[in-house]
Amino acid sequence: MTTKDLLEIYFKLNDRFDFLWNFYAVFILALGSYLLSENAQALGSAEKIILICGYLLFVFMNIYGLLVTSHSLRITAKEIYQMVTESSELIVVTSIVRKNHSMDKFAAFFIHGALLPLFIWVVLVR
């Protein structure tokens, strides 16, 4: 496998990672906007449980996708850096490939964990 092939894989993985974050953000904004709008009707207890369980399932699936993609990005970046031998290639690679993806896991758990109690509170108050 060439460096070019690995770079293509890296960029596809990076696009997938960004898509997962964007999908989560749009989902949260849409659901939160509806729940906080004046048009939203009061929810019964069964509806609240279904909504919270659905949200938990979505969060777990999103976190899993983010973690798997982040792990693949780390491995691919490591392979790219090991394949680069010339200093001119290294300069280009360091400008387009993040070597460290350690904050991805923290960000996924922090953001999802911070919004989870807020979402549950909004649903229960509704």
Protein backbone atom coordinates (compact mmCIF):
# COMPACT_ATOMS: atom_id res chain seq x y z
CA MET A 1 0.00 0.00 0.00
CA THR A 2 1.37 3.39 -0.98
CA THR A 3 1.37 6.63 0.95
CA LYS A 4 -1.20 7.97 -1.52
CA ASP A 5 -3.55 5.06 -0.74
CA LEU A 6 -3.16 5.63 2.98
CA LEU A 7 -3.81 9.35 2.57
CA GLU A 8 -7.02 8.59 0.67
CA ILE A 9 -8.13 6.25 3.46
CA TYR A 10 -7.21 8.87 6.05
CA PHE A 11 -9.27 11.56 4.31
CA LYS A 12 -12.28 9.23 3.92
CA LEU A 13 -12.08 8.37 7.61
CA ASN A 14 -11.76 12.05 8.48
CA ASP A 15 -14.85 12.81 6.39
CA ARG A 16 -16.75 10.04 8.19
CA PHE A 17 -15.65 11.41 11.56
CA ASP A 18 -16.84 14.89 10.62
CA PHE A 19 -20.12 13.46 9.30
CA LEU A 20 -20.80 11.71 12.61
CA TRP A 21 -20.25 14.94 14.55
CA ASN A 22 -22.39 16.95 12.13
CA PHE A 23 -25.15 14.34 12.25
CA TYR A 24 -25.12 14.45 16.04
CA ALA A 25 -25.22 18.26 16.09
CA VAL A 26 -28.12 18.46 13.64
CA PHE A 27 -30.04 15.77 15.53
CA ILE A 28 -29.56 17.53 18.86
CA LEU A 29 -30.49 20.94 17.46
CA ALA A 30 -33.61 19.60 15.75
CA LEU A 31 -34.80 17.58 18.72
CA GLY A 32 -33.93 20.29 21.23
CA SER A 33 -35.61 22.97 19.16
CA TYR A 34 -38.79 20.92 18.95
CA LEU A 35 -38.83 20.11 22.66
CA LEU A 36 -38.26 23.74 23.62
CA SER A 37 -40.71 25.20 21.10
CA GLU A 38 -44.15 26.40 22.03
CA ASN A 39 -45.70 24.01 19.53
CA ALA A 40 -44.47 20.91 21.36
CA GLN A 41 -47.21 19.10 23.20
CA ALA A 42 -46.89 17.74 26.70
CA LEU A 43 -45.43 14.25 26.67
CA GLY A 44 -46.96 11.31 28.52
CA SER A 45 -44.76 9.10 30.68
CA ALA A 46 -44.60 6.35 28.03
CA GLU A 47 -43.58 8.88 25.37
CA LYS A 48 -40.89 10.28 27.66
CA ILE A 49 -39.44 6.82 28.28
CA ILE A 50 -39.43 6.02 24.54
CA LEU A 51 -37.83 9.37 23.73
CA ILE A 52 -35.11 8.97 26.37
CA CYS A 53 -34.38 5.35 25.35
CA GLY A 54 -34.22 6.37 21.68
CA TYR A 55 -31.87 9.20 22.53
CA LEU A 56 -29.66 6.89 24.61
CA LEU A 57 -29.50 4.40 21.74
CA PHE A 58 -28.59 7.20 19.32
CA VAL A 59 -25.89 8.51 21.67
CA PHE A 60 -24.33 5.08 22.16
CA MET A 61 -24.32 4.39 18.42
CA ASN A 62 -22.81 7.79 17.71
CA ILE A 63 -20.10 7.40 20.37
CA TYR A 64 -19.27 3.94 19.06
CA GLY A 65 -18.97 5.27 15.50
CA LEU A 66 -16.79 8.15 16.66
CA LEU A 67 -14.50 5.88 18.69
CA VAL A 68 -14.07 3.32 15.91
CA THR A 69 -13.39 6.03 13.34
CA SER A 70 -10.97 7.83 15.67
CA HIS A 71 -9.10 4.58 16.32
CA SER A 72 -8.86 3.94 12.57
CA LEU A 73 -7.62 7.50 12.04
CA ARG A 74 -4.88 6.98 14.65
CA ILE A 75 -3.74 3.74 13.05
CA THR A 76 -3.80 5.19 9.54
CA ALA A 77 -1.92 8.33 10.64
CA LYS A 78 0.71 6.17 12.33
CA GLU A 79 1.17 4.11 9.16
CA ILE A 80 1.46 7.26 7.06
CA TYR A 81 4.13 8.71 9.32
CA GLN A 82 6.06 5.42 9.25
CA MET A 83 6.01 5.31 5.44
CA VAL A 84 7.25 8.87 4.94
CA THR A 85 11.01 8.89 4.51
CA GLU A 86 11.92 12.14 2.79
CA SER A 87 11.86 15.43 4.65
CA SER A 88 9.87 17.14 1.89
CA GLU A 89 7.16 14.47 2.20
CA LEU A 90 7.21 14.81 5.97
CA ILE A 91 6.54 18.55 5.73
CA VAL A 92 3.51 17.91 3.52
CA VAL A 93 2.22 15.04 5.66
CA THR A 94 2.55 16.96 8.93
CA SER A 95 0.52 19.80 7.44
CA ILE A 96 -2.40 17.58 6.36
CA VAL A 97 -2.37 14.59 8.75
CA ARG A 98 -2.93 14.98 12.47
CA LYS A 99 -0.53 12.72 14.29
CA ASN A 100 -2.37 12.82 17.59
CA HIS A 101 -6.06 11.89 17.82
CA SER A 102 -6.11 11.38 21.58
CA MET A 103 -8.56 14.22 22.25
CA ASP A 104 -11.19 12.65 19.99
CA LYS A 105 -12.21 10.11 22.62
CA PHE A 106 -12.30 12.73 25.37
CA ALA A 107 -14.39 15.11 23.25
CA ALA A 108 -16.88 12.38 22.34
CA PHE A 109 -17.46 11.35 25.95
CA PHE A 110 -17.39 14.91 27.30
CA ILE A 111 -19.88 16.41 24.85
CA HIS A 112 -22.25 13.45 24.84
CA GLY A 113 -22.00 13.14 28.61
CA ALA A 114 -22.66 16.83 29.17
CA LEU A 115 -25.73 16.91 26.93
CA LEU A 116 -27.22 13.65 28.18
CA PRO A 117 -28.45 14.91 31.58
CA LEU A 118 -29.63 18.15 29.99
CA PHE A 119 -31.67 16.26 27.42
CA ILE A 120 -33.18 13.96 30.04
CA TRP A 121 -34.07 16.95 32.21
CA VAL A 122 -35.77 18.76 29.29
CA VAL A 123 -37.78 15.64 28.42
CA LEU A 124 -38.83 15.03 32.02
CA VAL A 125 -39.87 18.66 32.53
CA ARG A 126 -41.93 18.63 29.34
